[in-house]
Amino acid sequence: MSDLRTDAAPTLQLATRLAGAAQEEAARQGKAMGIAVVDRSGNVIVAVRMDGASPVALQLAIDKAFTAAAFNAPTDAWGEVTSPGGADWGLTSALAGRIVVLAGGLPLRAGGELVGAIGVSGAAPAVDLLCARAGVRAGQPAVDRDHTLVPQVPSN
């Protein structure tokens, strides 16, 4: 069996709890948002577009979650290096534009290992991040609380 790998992933129940907590925080902030929870490969487990959310909010939330899972880092960690002249300028054009470097995407870790990600979009980046953090907190103890331990973003 050592030739096989078993990957943990959020259950539908856990993903729904995370999305619900993010939705509750969005409502407290008076914002209608798109919210997505994905597995470590970026496949959607739960996706929600709140009534009144922008038509693009859900797709951005899905792509933020995808980006956080793909790089095992918060989406806003890439902002500086993807700016014009940055070492990774153009990264946001990769994968048909699915890479999003705005705040609101956070990796989900269990025992320090990536298991998925949450993405939230529909308001100012700081509000998106606040709602995503509320989702991560709702995942405890199944997911690690400290999502701020970010792998070093590579610079070329």
Protein backbone atom coordinates (compact mmCIF):
# COMPACT_ATOMS: atom_id res chain seq x y z
CA MET A 1 0.00 0.00 0.00
CA SER A 2 2.94 2.40 0.28
CA ASP A 3 2.65 3.00 -3.48
CA LEU A 4 -0.76 4.61 -2.99
CA ARG A 5 -1.59 8.00 -1.63
CA THR A 6 -4.73 8.92 0.26
CA ASP A 7 -5.68 12.58 0.17
CA ALA A 8 -7.99 14.17 2.69
CA ALA A 9 -10.69 16.48 1.39
CA PRO A 10 -13.47 18.49 2.99
CA THR A 11 -16.74 16.59 3.16
CA LEU A 12 -19.89 18.15 1.76
CA GLN A 13 -21.01 18.72 5.35
CA LEU A 14 -17.80 20.58 6.26
CA ALA A 15 -17.77 22.57 3.02
CA THR A 16 -21.39 23.60 3.60
CA ARG A 17 -20.52 24.72 7.15
CA LEU A 18 -17.61 26.83 5.88
CA ALA A 19 -19.70 28.42 3.14
CA GLY A 20 -22.51 29.08 5.61
CA ALA A 21 -20.20 30.87 8.02
CA ALA A 22 -18.81 33.01 5.20
CA GLN A 23 -22.37 33.78 4.11
CA GLU A 24 -23.36 34.79 7.64
CA GLU A 25 -20.37 37.16 7.87
CA ALA A 26 -21.25 38.64 4.47
CA ALA A 27 -24.80 39.27 5.70
CA ARG A 28 -23.41 40.96 8.85
CA GLN A 29 -21.36 43.19 6.55
CA GLY A 30 -24.44 43.96 4.46
CA LYS A 31 -22.91 42.40 1.34
CA ALA A 32 -24.17 39.79 -1.11
CA MET A 33 -21.32 37.50 -2.12
CA GLY A 34 -20.29 34.48 -4.10
CA ILE A 35 -18.70 31.74 -1.96
CA ALA A 36 -16.97 28.53 -3.02
CA VAL A 37 -15.22 25.66 -1.26
CA VAL A 38 -12.99 23.37 -3.32
CA ASP A 39 -10.88 20.28 -2.72
CA ARG A 40 -7.08 20.34 -2.99
CA SER A 41 -7.31 19.96 -6.78
CA GLY A 42 -9.61 22.95 -7.12
CA ASN A 43 -12.77 20.96 -7.81
CA VAL A 44 -15.89 22.61 -6.44
CA ILE A 45 -17.56 20.97 -3.44
CA VAL A 46 -19.97 23.82 -2.62
CA ALA A 47 -20.74 27.05 -4.49
CA VAL A 48 -23.24 29.67 -3.34
CA ARG A 49 -24.33 32.97 -4.88
CA MET A 50 -26.25 35.02 -2.37
CA ASP A 51 -29.37 36.85 -3.53
CA GLY A 52 -28.33 40.17 -5.00
CA ALA A 53 -24.69 39.21 -5.56
CA SER A 54 -22.98 40.46 -8.68
CA PRO A 55 -23.30 38.10 -11.64
CA VAL A 56 -19.51 37.61 -11.63
CA ALA A 57 -19.14 37.12 -7.87
CA LEU A 58 -19.57 33.35 -7.91
CA GLN A 59 -17.10 32.72 -10.74
CA LEU A 60 -14.53 34.93 -9.02
CA ALA A 61 -15.10 33.08 -5.72
CA ILE A 62 -14.58 29.73 -7.48
CA ASP A 63 -11.40 31.02 -9.12
CA LYS A 64 -10.10 32.46 -5.84
CA ALA A 65 -10.62 29.09 -4.18
CA PHE A 66 -8.95 27.37 -7.15
CA THR A 67 -5.96 29.72 -6.93
CA ALA A 68 -5.56 29.27 -3.15
CA ALA A 69 -5.63 25.49 -3.58
CA ALA A 70 -3.31 25.52 -6.61
CA PHE A 71 -0.62 27.50 -4.82
CA ASN A 72 -1.41 26.54 -1.20
CA ALA A 73 -1.37 30.22 -0.32
CA PRO A 74 -3.81 33.08 0.19
CA THR A 75 -4.68 34.67 -3.14
CA ASP A 76 -3.46 38.10 -2.10
CA ALA A 77 0.05 36.71 -1.48
CA TRP A 78 0.65 37.01 -5.23
CA GLY A 79 -0.27 40.68 -5.65
CA GLU A 80 3.17 42.26 -5.68
CA VAL A 81 4.98 39.68 -7.81
CA THR A 82 2.21 39.66 -10.44
CA SER A 83 2.19 43.45 -10.86
CA PRO A 84 3.72 44.91 -14.03
CA GLY A 85 7.46 44.38 -13.81
CA GLY A 86 7.08 41.73 -11.11
CA ALA A 87 8.78 38.35 -11.35
CA ASP A 88 5.46 36.62 -12.10
CA TRP A 89 3.88 39.32 -14.28
CA GLY A 90 1.38 37.57 -16.53
CA LEU A 91 0.52 34.80 -14.06
CA THR A 92 -3.07 36.01 -13.92
CA SER A 93 -3.40 35.13 -17.63
CA ALA A 94 -2.52 31.50 -16.92
CA LEU A 95 -5.16 28.79 -17.18
CA ALA A 96 -7.50 30.99 -19.20
CA GLY A 97 -7.49 33.68 -16.50
CA ARG A 98 -8.47 31.40 -13.60
CA ILE A 99 -5.62 32.67 -11.42
CA VAL A 100 -6.95 35.46 -9.18
CA VAL A 101 -4.60 37.49 -6.98
CA LEU A 102 -7.18 39.55 -5.09
CA ALA A 103 -7.86 38.91 -1.39
CA GLY A 104 -10.59 36.43 -0.52
CA GLY A 105 -9.07 33.04 -1.33
CA LEU A 106 -7.58 30.99 1.54
CA PRO A 107 -6.14 27.49 1.62
CA LEU A 108 -7.68 24.96 3.98
CA ARG A 109 -5.15 22.84 5.85
CA ALA A 110 -5.51 19.88 8.20
CA GLY A 111 -2.42 19.00 10.21
CA GLY A 112 -0.50 21.46 8.07
CA GLU A 113 -1.42 19.64 4.84
CA LEU A 114 -3.48 21.26 2.08
CA VAL A 115 -6.97 19.73 1.87
CA GLY A 116 -8.85 22.41 -0.08
CA ALA A 117 -9.61 26.12 -0.19
CA ILE A 118 -12.35 28.69 0.24
CA GLY A 119 -12.96 31.67 -2.02
CA VAL A 120 -15.23 34.64 -1.43
CA SER A 121 -15.98 37.54 -3.79
CA GLY A 122 -18.47 40.36 -4.12
CA ALA A 123 -17.22 43.24 -1.99
CA ALA A 124 -14.00 45.12 -1.30
CA PRO A 125 -11.00 42.78 -0.96
CA ALA A 126 -10.80 43.33 2.81
CA VAL A 127 -14.45 42.27 3.22
CA ASP A 128 -13.95 39.26 0.96
CA LEU A 129 -11.02 38.22 3.16
CA LEU A 130 -12.98 38.80 6.37
CA CYS A 131 -15.74 36.49 5.12
CA ALA A 132 -13.25 33.83 3.97
CA ARG A 133 -11.60 33.89 7.40
CA ALA A 134 -15.01 33.39 9.02
CA GLY A 135 -15.41 30.30 6.87
CA VAL A 136 -12.01 28.92 7.91
CA ARG A 137 -12.82 29.50 11.59
CA ALA A 138 -16.06 27.55 11.19
CA GLY A 139 -14.05 24.56 10.01
CA GLN A 140 -12.27 24.04 13.29
CA PRO A 141 -11.20 21.61 14.57
CA ALA A 142 -11.27 19.74 11.24
CA VAL A 143 -9.14 22.40 9.51
CA ASP A 144 -6.23 24.35 10.93
CA ARG A 145 -7.00 27.82 12.18
CA ASP A 146 -3.69 29.39 11.26
CA HIS A 147 -4.02 29.88 7.52
CA THR A 148 -1.53 32.74 7.73
CA LEU A 149 1.45 30.36 7.59
CA VAL A 150 2.04 30.93 3.92
CA PRO A 151 4.63 29.09 1.86
CA GLN A 152 7.16 31.54 0.44
CA VAL A 153 5.89 32.89 -2.87
CA PRO A 154 8.62 32.08 -5.38
CA SER A 155 10.33 34.96 -7.11
CA ASN A 156 12.27 34.41 -10.28
